[in-house]
Amino acid sequence: MTSISPTQLLEQRNQYLATGDTEGFIGLFAPDAVIELPFAGPGMPDRIEGSAAIGEYARHVNDSGVKLDAVENVEVYESTDPEVVVVETRATGTLPTGQPLSRTSIQIFRVRDGKILLFRDFFDPRGLDIMDLAAGDGSAN
């Protein structure tokens, strides 16, 4: 079985996010995957463990009214470890209030066998506190 490269997987992820394909996005994660949000804002988890919790969180964010129009990889940095890639991304869209959303972030991924094992997202949470993204998902730490 041929696995896609980490960079190809991230392009697929961007498409899923921009088209609102939450189930496709969730399917990119390994069962024991972890999302870490070191700069998480109010009401946001700083760590989400396991694909089930990631799925619950992703569905909640999708239902929150955040609309992404585009997610692009501004720069991709491959490492000496073939499983690890660092990406500068830019996301644009609309917040539930109708305000425009434009965020850049640095993201670190560990990908193995075509699945995301680790997604660490260093983003600016300012302005996102209007959403209680962690409400009801039980994964906030």
C-alpha atoms as a PDB file:
ATOM      1  CA  MET A   1       0.000   0.000   0.000  1.00  0.00           C
ATOM      2  CA  THR A   2       1.376   3.406  -0.987  1.00  0.00           C
ATOM      3  CA  SER A   3       0.867   6.196   1.522  1.00  0.00           C
ATOM      4  CA  ILE A   4       0.593   9.808   0.528  1.00  0.00           C
ATOM      5  CA  SER A   5       3.333  12.176   1.640  1.00  0.00           C
ATOM      6  CA  PRO A   6       2.808  14.475   4.630  1.00  0.00           C
ATOM      7  CA  THR A   7       2.657  17.457   2.269  1.00  0.00           C
ATOM      8  CA  GLN A   8      -0.015  15.779   0.121  1.00  0.00           C
ATOM      9  CA  LEU A   9      -1.979  14.880   3.244  1.00  0.00           C
ATOM     10  CA  LEU A  10      -1.885  18.525   4.388  1.00  0.00           C
ATOM     11  CA  GLU A  11      -3.157  19.717   1.012  1.00  0.00           C
ATOM     12  CA  GLN A  12      -6.028  17.251   1.386  1.00  0.00           C
ATOM     13  CA  ARG A  13      -6.667  18.580   4.906  1.00  0.00           C
ATOM     14  CA  ASN A  14      -6.800  22.151   3.592  1.00  0.00           C
ATOM     15  CA  GLN A  15      -9.400  21.124   1.018  1.00  0.00           C
ATOM     16  CA  TYR A  16     -11.530  19.380   3.645  1.00  0.00           C
ATOM     17  CA  LEU A  17     -11.396  22.443   5.912  1.00  0.00           C
ATOM     18  CA  ALA A  18     -12.199  24.903   3.124  1.00  0.00           C
ATOM     19  CA  THR A  19     -15.142  22.842   1.865  1.00  0.00           C
ATOM     20  CA  GLY A  20     -16.515  22.052   5.322  1.00  0.00           C
ATOM     21  CA  ASP A  21     -15.913  18.302   4.932  1.00  0.00           C
ATOM     22  CA  THR A  22     -15.620  17.567   8.644  1.00  0.00           C
ATOM     23  CA  GLU A  23     -15.818  13.800   8.234  1.00  0.00           C
ATOM     24  CA  GLY A  24     -13.029  13.859   5.635  1.00  0.00           C
ATOM     25  CA  PHE A  25     -10.930  15.970   7.998  1.00  0.00           C
ATOM     26  CA  ILE A  26     -11.527  13.557  10.893  1.00  0.00           C
ATOM     27  CA  GLY A  27     -10.590  10.605   8.664  1.00  0.00           C
ATOM     28  CA  LEU A  28      -7.072  11.995   8.272  1.00  0.00           C
ATOM     29  CA  PHE A  29      -6.216  11.242  11.923  1.00  0.00           C
ATOM     30  CA  ALA A  30      -4.844   8.011  13.379  1.00  0.00           C
ATOM     31  CA  PRO A  31      -6.937   6.476  16.191  1.00  0.00           C
ATOM     32  CA  ASP A  32      -4.409   7.603  18.826  1.00  0.00           C
ATOM     33  CA  ALA A  33      -3.745  11.037  17.291  1.00  0.00           C
ATOM     34  CA  VAL A  34      -3.255  14.143  19.388  1.00  0.00           C
ATOM     35  CA  ILE A  35      -4.006  17.797  18.671  1.00  0.00           C
ATOM     36  CA  GLU A  36      -2.118  20.290  20.808  1.00  0.00           C
ATOM     37  CA  LEU A  37      -3.066  23.989  20.945  1.00  0.00           C
ATOM     38  CA  PRO A  38      -0.313  25.586  23.064  1.00  0.00           C
ATOM     39  CA  PHE A  39      -1.789  29.098  22.715  1.00  0.00           C
ATOM     40  CA  ALA A  40      -5.433  28.070  23.175  1.00  0.00           C
ATOM     41  CA  GLY A  41      -7.756  30.925  24.034  1.00  0.00           C
ATOM     42  CA  PRO A  42     -10.596  31.048  26.570  1.00  0.00           C
ATOM     43  CA  GLY A  43     -12.956  28.088  26.331  1.00  0.00           C
ATOM     44  CA  MET A  44     -10.612  26.169  24.036  1.00  0.00           C
ATOM     45  CA  PRO A  45      -8.836  22.920  24.922  1.00  0.00           C
ATOM     46  CA  ASP A  46      -5.058  22.861  24.876  1.00  0.00           C
ATOM     47  CA  ARG A  47      -4.927  19.131  24.094  1.00  0.00           C
ATOM     48  CA  ILE A  48      -7.332  16.736  22.377  1.00  0.00           C
ATOM     49  CA  GLU A  49      -6.481  13.047  22.510  1.00  0.00           C
ATOM     50  CA  GLY A  50      -7.762  10.313  20.213  1.00  0.00           C
ATOM     51  CA  SER A  51      -9.633  10.420  16.937  1.00  0.00           C
ATOM     52  CA  ALA A  52     -13.024  10.148  18.674  1.00  0.00           C
ATOM     53  CA  ALA A  53     -12.369  13.309  20.730  1.00  0.00           C
ATOM     54  CA  ILE A  54     -10.870  15.037  17.686  1.00  0.00           C
ATOM     55  CA  GLY A  55     -14.017  14.155  15.756  1.00  0.00           C
ATOM     56  CA  GLU A  56     -16.274  15.506  18.471  1.00  0.00           C
ATOM     57  CA  TYR A  57     -14.282  18.739  18.656  1.00  0.00           C
ATOM     58  CA  ALA A  58     -14.159  19.163  14.856  1.00  0.00           C
ATOM     59  CA  ARG A  59     -17.932  18.677  14.591  1.00  0.00           C
ATOM     60  CA  HIS A  60     -18.486  21.211  17.373  1.00  0.00           C
ATOM     61  CA  VAL A  61     -16.254  23.780  15.650  1.00  0.00           C
ATOM     62  CA  ASN A  62     -18.047  23.122  12.356  1.00  0.00           C
ATOM     63  CA  ASP A  63     -21.427  23.611  14.060  1.00  0.00           C
ATOM     64  CA  SER A  64     -20.226  26.807  15.816  1.00  0.00           C
ATOM     65  CA  GLY A  65     -20.761  28.956  12.755  1.00  0.00           C
ATOM     66  CA  VAL A  66     -17.112  29.451  11.829  1.00  0.00           C
ATOM     67  CA  LYS A  67     -16.916  29.362   8.020  1.00  0.00           C
ATOM     68  CA  LEU A  68     -13.555  28.821   6.367  1.00  0.00           C
ATOM     69  CA  ASP A  69     -13.292  29.972   2.769  1.00  0.00           C
ATOM     70  CA  ALA A  70      -9.681  28.996   2.204  1.00  0.00           C
ATOM     71  CA  VAL A  71      -6.779  27.355   3.990  1.00  0.00           C
ATOM     72  CA  GLU A  72      -3.441  27.589   2.256  1.00  0.00           C
ATOM     73  CA  ASN A  73       0.063  26.449   2.997  1.00  0.00           C
ATOM     74  CA  VAL A  74       2.128  29.640   2.758  1.00  0.00           C
ATOM     75  CA  GLU A  75       5.361  27.775   3.364  1.00  0.00           C
ATOM     76  CA  VAL A  76       6.161  24.104   3.979  1.00  0.00           C
ATOM     77  CA  TYR A  77       9.339  23.062   5.774  1.00  0.00           C
ATOM     78  CA  GLU A  78      10.275  19.430   5.543  1.00  0.00           C
ATOM     79  CA  SER A  79      12.519  18.108   8.293  1.00  0.00           C
ATOM     80  CA  THR A  80      15.217  15.468   8.385  1.00  0.00           C
ATOM     81  CA  ASP A  81      12.560  13.209   9.918  1.00  0.00           C
ATOM     82  CA  PRO A  82      10.344  12.104   7.002  1.00  0.00           C
ATOM     83  CA  GLU A  83       7.314  11.934   9.306  1.00  0.00           C
ATOM     84  CA  VAL A  84       7.578  15.569  10.449  1.00  0.00           C
ATOM     85  CA  VAL A  85       6.621  18.662   8.503  1.00  0.00           C
ATOM     86  CA  VAL A  86       6.292  22.276   9.677  1.00  0.00           C
ATOM     87  CA  VAL A  87       3.795  24.462   7.854  1.00  0.00           C
ATOM     88  CA  GLU A  88       2.937  28.145   7.874  1.00  0.00           C
ATOM     89  CA  THR A  89      -0.757  28.329   7.010  1.00  0.00           C
ATOM     90  CA  ARG A  90      -3.201  31.115   6.316  1.00  0.00           C
ATOM     91  CA  ALA A  91      -6.916  30.609   6.903  1.00  0.00           C
ATOM     92  CA  THR A  92      -9.603  33.042   5.809  1.00  0.00           C
ATOM     93  CA  GLY A  93     -13.304  32.966   6.422  1.00  0.00           C
ATOM     94  CA  THR A  94     -16.037  34.347   8.641  1.00  0.00           C
ATOM     95  CA  LEU A  95     -16.665  34.150  12.389  1.00  0.00           C
ATOM     96  CA  PRO A  96     -20.143  33.405  13.779  1.00  0.00           C
ATOM     97  CA  THR A  97     -20.580  37.161  14.400  1.00  0.00           C
ATOM     98  CA  GLY A  98     -20.133  37.861  10.692  1.00  0.00           C
ATOM     99  CA  GLN A  99     -16.695  39.357  11.273  1.00  0.00           C
ATOM    100  CA  PRO A 100     -13.983  38.308   8.835  1.00  0.00           C
ATOM    101  CA  LEU A 101     -11.468  35.725   9.979  1.00  0.00           C
ATOM    102  CA  SER A 102      -7.895  35.879   8.774  1.00  0.00           C
ATOM    103  CA  ARG A 103      -5.274  33.923  10.699  1.00  0.00           C
ATOM    104  CA  THR A 104      -1.800  32.676  10.065  1.00  0.00           C
ATOM    105  CA  SER A 105      -0.296  29.979  12.192  1.00  0.00           C
ATOM    106  CA  ILE A 106       2.679  27.707  12.447  1.00  0.00           C
ATOM    107  CA  GLN A 107       1.718  24.053  12.570  1.00  0.00           C
ATOM    108  CA  ILE A 108       3.808  20.978  13.225  1.00  0.00           C
ATOM    109  CA  PHE A 109       2.607  17.602  11.992  1.00  0.00           C
ATOM    110  CA  ARG A 110       3.801  14.067  12.496  1.00  0.00           C
ATOM    111  CA  VAL A 111       2.363  11.816   9.807  1.00  0.00           C
ATOM    112  CA  ARG A 112       2.797   8.051   9.566  1.00  0.00           C
ATOM    113  CA  ASP A 113       1.216   5.635   7.107  1.00  0.00           C
ATOM    114  CA  GLY A 114      -0.926   8.399   5.628  1.00  0.00           C
ATOM    115  CA  LYS A 115      -2.475   9.436   8.964  1.00  0.00           C
ATOM    116  CA  ILE A 116      -1.856  12.394  11.253  1.00  0.00           C
ATOM    117  CA  LEU A 117      -0.400  11.308  14.600  1.00  0.00           C
ATOM    118  CA  LEU A 118       0.327  14.782  15.963  1.00  0.00           C
ATOM    119  CA  PHE A 119      -1.034  18.179  14.993  1.00  0.00           C
ATOM    120  CA  ARG A 120       0.454  21.010  17.040  1.00  0.00           C
ATOM    121  CA  ASP A 121      -1.051  24.392  16.117  1.00  0.00           C
ATOM    122  CA  PHE A 122       0.593  27.660  17.194  1.00  0.00           C
ATOM    123  CA  PHE A 123      -2.064  30.252  16.347  1.00  0.00           C
ATOM    124  CA  ASP A 124      -3.205  33.622  17.616  1.00  0.00           C
ATOM    125  CA  PRO A 125      -6.433  33.056  19.593  1.00  0.00           C
ATOM    126  CA  ARG A 126      -7.335  36.759  19.880  1.00  0.00           C
ATOM    127  CA  GLY A 127     -10.880  37.338  18.755  1.00  0.00           C
ATOM    128  CA  LEU A 128     -11.770  33.665  18.986  1.00  0.00           C
ATOM    129  CA  ASP A 129     -12.917  33.892  22.606  1.00  0.00           C
ATOM    130  CA  ILE A 130     -16.400  34.752  21.295  1.00  0.00           C
ATOM    131  CA  MET A 131     -16.801  31.059  20.578  1.00  0.00           C
ATOM    132  CA  ASP A 132     -16.930  28.471  23.295  1.00  0.00           C
ATOM    133  CA  LEU A 133     -15.315  25.862  21.082  1.00  0.00           C
ATOM    134  CA  ALA A 134     -14.774  23.428  23.901  1.00  0.00           C
ATOM    135  CA  ALA A 135     -18.333  23.514  25.225  1.00  0.00           C
ATOM    136  CA  GLY A 136     -19.797  20.118  25.633  1.00  0.00           C
ATOM    137  CA  ASP A 137     -16.930  18.122  24.133  1.00  0.00           C
ATOM    138  CA  GLY A 138     -15.345  17.082  27.411  1.00  0.00           C
ATOM    139  CA  SER A 139     -11.826  17.488  26.078  1.00  0.00           C
ATOM    140  CA  ALA A 140     -10.857  20.862  27.521  1.00  0.00           C
ATOM    141  CA  ASN A 141      -7.918  20.754  29.898  1.00  0.00           C
END
